[in-house]
Protein backbone atom coordinates (compact mmCIF):
# COMPACT_ATOMS: atom_id res chain seq x y z
CA UNK A 1 -118.83 -73.67 -215.01
CA UNK A 2 -118.24 -74.07 -218.65
CA UNK A 3 -114.50 -73.91 -220.08
CA UNK A 4 -115.52 -70.45 -222.14
CA UNK A 5 -116.37 -68.74 -218.81
CA UNK A 6 -112.80 -69.73 -217.62
CA UNK A 7 -111.23 -68.51 -220.45
CA UNK A 8 -112.82 -65.45 -220.23
CA UNK A 9 -111.78 -64.82 -216.98
CA UNK A 10 -108.65 -65.60 -217.45
CA UNK A 11 -108.06 -63.09 -220.45
CA UNK A 12 -109.58 -60.34 -218.49
CA UNK A 13 -107.66 -60.70 -215.37
CA UNK A 14 -104.00 -60.73 -217.28
CA UNK A 15 -105.18 -57.91 -219.22
CA UNK A 16 -105.96 -56.05 -216.03
CA UNK A 17 -103.06 -57.29 -214.61
CA UNK A 18 -100.62 -56.15 -217.03
CA UNK A 19 -101.67 -52.53 -217.25
CA UNK A 20 -102.79 -52.09 -213.27
CA UNK A 21 -99.15 -51.95 -212.16
CA UNK A 22 -97.84 -49.65 -214.53
CA UNK A 23 -101.23 -47.03 -214.53
CA UNK A 24 -100.77 -46.68 -210.53
CA UNK A 25 -97.06 -45.90 -210.99
CA UNK A 26 -97.89 -43.23 -213.44
CA UNK A 27 -100.20 -41.93 -211.50
CA UNK A 28 -98.25 -41.44 -208.44
CA UNK A 29 -95.10 -39.41 -210.75
CA UNK A 30 -93.14 -36.82 -208.85
CA UNK A 31 -94.29 -33.41 -209.27
CA UNK A 32 -93.35 -31.29 -211.95
CA UNK A 33 -89.93 -29.45 -211.11
CA UNK A 34 -89.23 -32.17 -208.03
CA UNK A 35 -86.03 -33.61 -207.16
CA UNK A 36 -85.30 -36.63 -206.81
CA UNK A 37 -83.01 -39.38 -206.92
CA UNK A 38 -81.32 -40.49 -210.29
CA UNK A 39 -82.83 -44.00 -210.32
CA UNK A 40 -80.36 -44.69 -213.42
CA UNK A 41 -77.30 -44.22 -211.22
CA UNK A 42 -78.81 -47.18 -208.75
CA UNK A 43 -76.46 -49.74 -208.96
CA UNK A 44 -78.71 -53.02 -208.11
CA UNK A 45 -76.01 -55.61 -207.57
CA UNK A 46 -74.30 -53.32 -205.34
CA UNK A 47 -77.74 -52.91 -202.91
CA UNK A 48 -78.07 -56.77 -202.69
CA UNK A 49 -74.74 -56.56 -200.69
CA UNK A 50 -75.04 -53.86 -198.25
CA UNK A 51 -76.35 -54.00 -194.82
CA UNK A 52 -79.13 -51.88 -193.71
CA UNK A 53 -76.61 -49.41 -192.12
CA UNK A 54 -74.47 -48.82 -195.20
CA UNK A 55 -77.84 -48.68 -197.17
CA UNK A 56 -78.59 -45.37 -195.76
CA UNK A 57 -74.91 -44.21 -196.41
CA UNK A 58 -75.39 -45.33 -200.12
CA UNK A 59 -78.50 -43.91 -200.48
CA UNK A 60 -77.14 -40.57 -199.53
CA UNK A 61 -74.40 -40.50 -202.39
CA UNK A 62 -76.80 -41.15 -205.21
CA UNK A 63 -77.10 -38.02 -207.07
CA UNK A 64 -80.07 -36.56 -207.59
CA UNK A 65 -82.08 -34.54 -210.72
CA UNK A 66 -85.01 -32.45 -211.33
CA UNK A 67 -87.70 -34.01 -213.51
CA UNK A 68 -89.27 -31.59 -216.26
CA UNK A 69 -92.06 -32.71 -218.65
CA UNK A 70 -93.26 -36.23 -219.71
CA UNK A 71 -89.68 -37.37 -217.90
CA UNK A 72 -92.08 -37.52 -214.80
CA UNK A 73 -93.91 -40.40 -216.18
CA UNK A 74 -90.80 -42.27 -217.53
CA UNK A 75 -88.99 -41.81 -214.43
CA UNK A 76 -89.71 -45.08 -212.81
CA UNK A 77 -88.87 -47.16 -215.48
CA UNK A 78 -85.42 -46.07 -215.14
CA UNK A 79 -84.69 -48.57 -211.92
CA UNK A 80 -82.71 -50.95 -212.78
CA UNK A 81 -84.99 -53.59 -210.93
CA UNK A 82 -87.96 -52.13 -212.03
CA UNK A 83 -89.00 -54.95 -214.31
CA UNK A 84 -88.53 -57.49 -211.54
CA UNK A 85 -91.11 -55.35 -209.22
CA UNK A 86 -93.63 -55.15 -212.38
CA UNK A 87 -93.68 -58.87 -212.94
CA UNK A 88 -94.14 -59.41 -209.03
CA UNK A 89 -97.12 -57.22 -209.05
CA UNK A 90 -98.41 -58.45 -212.44
CA UNK A 91 -98.55 -62.00 -210.84
CA UNK A 92 -100.07 -60.66 -207.37
CA UNK A 93 -102.46 -58.44 -209.05
CA UNK A 94 -103.47 -61.58 -211.67
CA UNK A 95 -104.61 -63.53 -208.59
CA UNK A 96 -107.02 -61.10 -207.27
CA UNK A 97 -108.16 -59.95 -210.74
CA UNK A 98 -108.93 -63.89 -211.20
CA UNK A 99 -110.44 -64.80 -208.03
CA UNK A 100 -112.96 -62.11 -208.57
CA UNK A 101 -113.79 -62.63 -212.34
CA UNK A 102 -114.54 -66.12 -211.53
CA UNK A 103 -116.62 -65.14 -208.26
CA UNK A 104 -119.00 -62.71 -210.41
CA UNK A 105 -119.49 -65.35 -213.22
CA UNK A 106 -120.18 -68.18 -210.76
CA UNK A 107 -122.91 -65.79 -208.58
CA UNK A 108 -124.14 -64.89 -212.12
CA UNK A 109 -124.76 -68.47 -213.58
CA UNK A 110 -126.20 -69.28 -209.72
CA UNK A 111 -128.61 -66.46 -210.15
CA UNK A 112 -129.76 -67.27 -213.68
CA UNK A 113 -129.86 -70.70 -212.64
CA UNK A 114 -132.08 -70.01 -209.35
CA UNK A 115 -134.58 -67.96 -211.98
């Protein structure tokens, strides 16, 4: 395959990989008026140091709030470790998209050369 095909596959895969995790999280937004844990109140440093038994107790102490309007869609971004999870999901999705686009491109070229 030519370098141009590899570059196109890379660009398409990267673009979709950046959008995909965010789009799937927005689709799973809580309902309007639903009471949820206030993700902004979670202390990421404290979470990394507590045991599984203490985790349940810690989550019971985190305050909750009701979501209204556009806040439902912005809610997930208030988690202190959101970008850490987001970057991991971008890399995971990129691998699958890149492999898929390369496979489709290879099969397309192969079919054209057979004809």
